[in-house]
């Protein structure tokens, strides 16, 4: 599949950015920009963080923390599923041996 690069305009804290991305990733880039903009606005509006650079870093840390937590939950779920599959294999092997 050929991936054609296009650009998409996103708005973050009132500023427009033009981002190059494959056409098939356009919706994901727009959704990501909206999420980042929302997080940065929350931080700016809380007045707990001042300065665009600090807001950007805090938003990046917050979103990265969420991503890592999701990855840890996904890994734990994958291990749980694999343990269940292994258990079912052992059960099936036992049934086959009995017959």
N, C-alpha and C. Protein backbone atom coordinates (compact mmCIF):
# COMPACT_ATOMS: atom_id res chain seq x y z
N UNK A 1 0.84 -1.17 0.00
CA UNK A 1 0.00 0.00 0.00
C UNK A 1 0.89 1.24 0.00
N UNK A 2 0.65 2.13 -0.90
CA UNK A 2 1.41 3.36 -0.99
C UNK A 2 0.85 4.37 0.00
N UNK A 3 1.73 5.00 0.73
CA UNK A 3 1.30 6.00 1.69
C UNK A 3 1.65 7.37 1.14
N UNK A 4 0.64 8.15 0.89
CA UNK A 4 0.88 9.49 0.38
C UNK A 4 0.88 10.48 1.54
N UNK A 5 1.87 11.36 1.53
CA UNK A 5 1.95 12.36 2.59
C UNK A 5 1.17 13.60 2.19
N UNK A 6 0.39 14.07 3.10
CA UNK A 6 -0.35 15.32 2.97
C UNK A 6 -0.05 16.14 4.21
N UNK A 7 -0.62 17.30 4.26
CA UNK A 7 -0.49 18.10 5.47
C UNK A 7 -1.87 18.34 6.05
N UNK A 8 -1.90 18.50 7.34
CA UNK A 8 -3.14 18.78 8.04
C UNK A 8 -2.85 19.95 8.98
N UNK A 9 -3.81 20.84 9.10
CA UNK A 9 -3.66 21.99 9.98
C UNK A 9 -4.32 21.66 11.31
N UNK A 10 -3.59 21.90 12.40
CA UNK A 10 -4.13 21.69 13.74
C UNK A 10 -3.98 22.99 14.52
N UNK A 11 -4.82 23.15 15.51
CA UNK A 11 -4.77 24.34 16.36
C UNK A 11 -4.53 23.91 17.80
N UNK A 12 -3.47 24.48 18.36
CA UNK A 12 -3.13 24.17 19.75
C UNK A 12 -2.90 25.49 20.47
N UNK A 13 -3.69 25.71 21.50
CA UNK A 13 -3.66 26.96 22.27
C UNK A 13 -3.72 28.18 21.36
N UNK A 14 -4.61 28.11 20.38
CA UNK A 14 -4.84 29.25 19.50
C UNK A 14 -3.84 29.44 18.39
N UNK A 15 -2.84 28.60 18.34
CA UNK A 15 -1.85 28.69 17.27
C UNK A 15 -2.08 27.58 16.26
N UNK A 16 -1.85 27.93 15.00
CA UNK A 16 -2.04 26.95 13.94
C UNK A 16 -0.70 26.32 13.58
N UNK A 17 -0.73 25.00 13.43
CA UNK A 17 0.45 24.24 13.03
C UNK A 17 0.07 23.39 11.83
N UNK A 18 0.98 23.31 10.87
CA UNK A 18 0.76 22.47 9.72
C UNK A 18 1.64 21.24 9.90
N UNK A 19 1.00 20.06 9.91
CA UNK A 19 1.67 18.80 10.20
C UNK A 19 1.64 17.91 8.96
N UNK A 20 2.79 17.38 8.58
CA UNK A 20 2.84 16.42 7.48
C UNK A 20 2.48 15.04 8.04
N UNK A 21 1.59 14.35 7.36
CA UNK A 21 1.22 13.01 7.80
C UNK A 21 0.61 12.26 6.62
N UNK A 22 0.70 10.93 6.65
CA UNK A 22 0.02 10.14 5.62
C UNK A 22 -1.48 10.40 5.68
N UNK A 23 -2.12 10.39 4.54
CA UNK A 23 -3.55 10.66 4.45
C UNK A 23 -4.36 9.75 5.38
N UNK A 24 -3.96 8.48 5.46
CA UNK A 24 -4.72 7.53 6.28
C UNK A 24 -4.56 7.77 7.79
N UNK A 25 -3.63 8.64 8.19
CA UNK A 25 -3.44 8.96 9.60
C UNK A 25 -4.01 10.32 9.97
N UNK A 26 -4.65 10.99 9.02
CA UNK A 26 -5.16 12.34 9.21
C UNK A 26 -6.10 12.43 10.41
N UNK A 27 -7.07 11.55 10.48
CA UNK A 27 -8.04 11.60 11.58
C UNK A 27 -7.37 11.39 12.94
N UNK A 28 -6.39 10.50 12.99
CA UNK A 28 -5.68 10.24 14.24
C UNK A 28 -4.86 11.47 14.66
N UNK A 29 -4.23 12.12 13.70
CA UNK A 29 -3.45 13.32 14.01
C UNK A 29 -4.38 14.42 14.53
N UNK A 30 -5.52 14.60 13.87
CA UNK A 30 -6.47 15.61 14.33
C UNK A 30 -6.98 15.31 15.73
N UNK A 31 -7.30 14.06 16.01
CA UNK A 31 -7.78 13.67 17.34
C UNK A 31 -6.69 13.88 18.38
N UNK A 32 -5.46 13.54 18.03
CA UNK A 32 -4.34 13.74 18.96
C UNK A 32 -4.13 15.21 19.26
N UNK A 33 -4.22 16.04 18.23
CA UNK A 33 -4.05 17.48 18.43
C UNK A 33 -5.16 18.04 19.31
N UNK A 34 -6.38 17.57 19.11
CA UNK A 34 -7.50 18.03 19.95
C UNK A 34 -7.26 17.65 21.41
N UNK A 35 -6.80 16.42 21.61
CA UNK A 35 -6.55 15.96 22.99
C UNK A 35 -5.44 16.77 23.65
N UNK A 36 -4.37 17.02 22.89
CA UNK A 36 -3.27 17.82 23.41
C UNK A 36 -3.72 19.24 23.71
N UNK A 37 -4.49 19.82 22.81
CA UNK A 37 -5.01 21.17 23.01
C UNK A 37 -5.87 21.24 24.26
N UNK A 38 -6.74 20.26 24.45
CA UNK A 38 -7.59 20.23 25.64
C UNK A 38 -6.75 20.16 26.91
N UNK A 39 -5.75 19.28 26.91
CA UNK A 39 -4.91 19.14 28.11
C UNK A 39 -4.13 20.41 28.39
N UNK A 40 -3.59 21.02 27.34
CA UNK A 40 -2.83 22.24 27.52
C UNK A 40 -3.73 23.38 28.00
N UNK A 41 -4.96 23.45 27.49
CA UNK A 41 -5.89 24.48 27.95
C UNK A 41 -6.24 24.29 29.42
N UNK A 42 -6.44 23.03 29.83
CA UNK A 42 -6.72 22.74 31.24
C UNK A 42 -5.59 23.24 32.13
N UNK A 43 -4.36 22.94 31.72
CA UNK A 43 -3.20 23.38 32.51
C UNK A 43 -3.08 24.90 32.53
N UNK A 44 -3.29 25.53 31.38
CA UNK A 44 -3.21 26.99 31.30
C UNK A 44 -4.30 27.62 32.16
N UNK A 45 -5.52 27.09 32.06
CA UNK A 45 -6.65 27.67 32.80
C UNK A 45 -6.55 27.45 34.31
N UNK A 46 -5.84 26.41 34.72
CA UNK A 46 -5.69 26.15 36.15
C UNK A 46 -4.74 27.15 36.81
N UNK A 47 -3.99 27.84 35.99
CA UNK A 47 -2.99 28.81 36.46
C UNK A 47 -1.93 28.18 37.35
N UNK A 48 -1.92 26.85 37.43
CA UNK A 48 -0.90 26.16 38.22
C UNK A 48 0.41 26.10 37.43
N UNK A 49 0.31 26.21 36.11
CA UNK A 49 1.48 26.15 35.26
C UNK A 49 1.50 27.38 34.37
N UNK A 50 2.60 28.09 34.40
CA UNK A 50 2.73 29.31 33.61
C UNK A 50 3.79 29.11 32.54
N UNK A 51 3.57 29.69 31.40
CA UNK A 51 4.54 29.63 30.32
C UNK A 51 4.20 28.50 29.37
N UNK A 52 4.23 28.82 28.09
CA UNK A 52 3.87 27.85 27.06
C UNK A 52 4.74 26.61 27.10
N UNK A 53 6.04 26.80 27.29
CA UNK A 53 6.94 25.65 27.30
C UNK A 53 6.62 24.72 28.48
N UNK A 54 6.39 25.29 29.64
CA UNK A 54 6.05 24.47 30.82
C UNK A 54 4.71 23.77 30.62
N UNK A 55 3.74 24.47 30.05
CA UNK A 55 2.44 23.86 29.78
C UNK A 55 2.61 22.67 28.83
N UNK A 56 3.41 22.86 27.78
CA UNK A 56 3.64 21.79 26.81
C UNK A 56 4.32 20.59 27.47
N UNK A 57 5.31 20.84 28.30
CA UNK A 57 6.02 19.74 28.97
C UNK A 57 5.09 19.01 29.94
N UNK A 58 4.33 19.76 30.71
CA UNK A 58 3.41 19.13 31.67
C UNK A 58 2.33 18.33 30.95
N UNK A 59 1.81 18.85 29.84
CA UNK A 59 0.81 18.11 29.07
C UNK A 59 1.43 16.84 28.49
N UNK A 60 2.64 16.94 27.97
CA UNK A 60 3.32 15.77 27.42
C UNK A 60 3.55 14.71 28.50
N UNK A 61 3.97 15.14 29.68
CA UNK A 61 4.18 14.20 30.78
C UNK A 61 2.87 13.54 31.20
N UNK A 62 1.83 14.32 31.30
CA UNK A 62 0.53 13.78 31.69
C UNK A 62 0.02 12.75 30.68
N UNK A 63 0.07 13.10 29.41
CA UNK A 63 -0.40 12.18 28.37
C UNK A 63 0.48 10.94 28.27
N UNK A 64 1.79 11.11 28.43
CA UNK A 64 2.70 9.96 28.40
C UNK A 64 2.43 9.05 29.58
N UNK A 65 2.16 9.61 30.76
CA UNK A 65 1.82 8.81 31.92
C UNK A 65 0.56 7.99 31.66
N UNK A 66 -0.46 8.61 31.07
CA UNK A 66 -1.68 7.88 30.73
C UNK A 66 -1.38 6.73 29.77
N UNK A 67 -0.55 7.00 28.77
CA UNK A 67 -0.18 5.97 27.79
C UNK A 67 0.54 4.81 28.47
N UNK A 68 1.49 5.11 29.33
CA UNK A 68 2.22 4.04 30.03
C UNK A 68 1.30 3.22 30.92
N UNK A 69 0.35 3.87 31.59
CA UNK A 69 -0.60 3.12 32.42
C UNK A 69 -1.45 2.20 31.56
N UNK A 70 -1.89 2.68 30.40
CA UNK A 70 -2.67 1.84 29.50
C UNK A 70 -1.84 0.66 29.00
N UNK A 71 -0.57 0.91 28.68
CA UNK A 71 0.31 -0.17 28.22
C UNK A 71 0.50 -1.22 29.31
N UNK A 72 0.66 -0.78 30.56
CA UNK A 72 0.82 -1.73 31.67
C UNK A 72 -0.44 -2.56 31.86
N UNK A 73 -1.61 -1.91 31.75
CA UNK A 73 -2.87 -2.66 31.86
C UNK A 73 -3.00 -3.65 30.70
N UNK A 74 -2.63 -3.24 29.51
CA UNK A 74 -2.71 -4.13 28.35
C UNK A 74 -1.76 -5.32 28.51
N UNK A 75 -0.55 -5.07 29.02
CA UNK A 75 0.41 -6.15 29.26
C UNK A 75 -0.12 -7.13 30.30
N UNK A 76 -0.70 -6.60 31.37
CA UNK A 76 -1.26 -7.46 32.42
C UNK A 76 -2.40 -8.29 31.86
N UNK A 77 -3.24 -7.69 31.05
CA UNK A 77 -4.35 -8.42 30.43
C UNK A 77 -3.82 -9.51 29.50
N UNK A 78 -2.81 -9.18 28.71
CA UNK A 78 -2.22 -10.17 27.79
C UNK A 78 -1.63 -11.34 28.57
N UNK A 79 -0.96 -11.07 29.69
CA UNK A 79 -0.40 -12.15 30.52
C UNK A 79 -1.52 -13.01 31.10
N UNK A 80 -2.61 -12.37 31.53
CA UNK A 80 -3.74 -13.10 32.09
C UNK A 80 -4.38 -14.00 31.03
N UNK A 81 -4.55 -13.46 29.84
CA UNK A 81 -5.14 -14.25 28.75
C UNK A 81 -4.23 -15.41 28.39
N UNK A 82 -2.91 -15.16 28.33
CA UNK A 82 -1.97 -16.23 27.99
C UNK A 82 -1.99 -17.32 29.06
N UNK A 83 -2.09 -16.94 30.31
CA UNK A 83 -2.16 -17.92 31.39
C UNK A 83 -3.42 -18.78 31.25
N UNK A 84 -4.52 -18.14 30.89
CA UNK A 84 -5.78 -18.88 30.70
C UNK A 84 -5.68 -19.83 29.51
N UNK A 85 -5.08 -19.36 28.42
CA UNK A 85 -4.89 -20.21 27.23
C UNK A 85 -4.00 -21.41 27.59
N UNK A 86 -2.91 -21.15 28.32
CA UNK A 86 -2.03 -22.24 28.73
C UNK A 86 -2.77 -23.25 29.59
N UNK A 87 -3.61 -22.74 30.49
CA UNK A 87 -4.40 -23.62 31.35
C UNK A 87 -5.36 -24.47 30.53
N UNK A 88 -6.00 -23.86 29.55
CA UNK A 88 -6.92 -24.61 28.68
C UNK A 88 -6.18 -25.65 27.85
N UNK A 89 -4.98 -25.32 27.39
CA UNK A 89 -4.17 -26.30 26.65
C UNK A 89 -3.84 -27.51 27.52
N UNK A 90 -3.45 -27.24 28.77
CA UNK A 90 -3.14 -28.34 29.69
C UNK A 90 -4.38 -29.20 29.93
N UNK A 91 -5.52 -28.54 30.10
CA UNK A 91 -6.78 -29.25 30.31
C UNK A 91 -7.10 -30.13 29.10
N UNK A 92 -6.97 -29.58 27.90
CA UNK A 92 -7.25 -30.34 26.68
C UNK A 92 -6.26 -31.49 26.52
N UNK A 93 -5.00 -31.26 26.83
CA UNK A 93 -4.00 -32.34 26.75
C UNK A 93 -4.35 -33.48 27.70
N UNK A 94 -4.82 -33.10 28.90
CA UNK A 94 -5.23 -34.13 29.87
C UNK A 94 -6.40 -34.92 29.39
N UNK A 95 -7.38 -34.27 28.80
CA UNK A 95 -8.56 -34.96 28.27
C UNK A 95 -8.16 -35.87 27.13
N UNK A 96 -7.28 -35.40 26.24
CA UNK A 96 -6.85 -36.22 25.11
C UNK A 96 -6.09 -37.44 25.60
N UNK A 97 -5.23 -37.27 26.60
CA UNK A 97 -4.48 -38.40 27.13
C UNK A 97 -5.40 -39.45 27.77
N UNK A 98 -6.47 -38.99 28.42
CA UNK A 98 -7.40 -39.92 29.06
C UNK A 98 -8.16 -40.76 28.03
N UNK A 99 -8.38 -40.20 26.86
CA UNK A 99 -9.14 -40.90 25.84
C UNK A 99 -8.18 -41.63 24.95
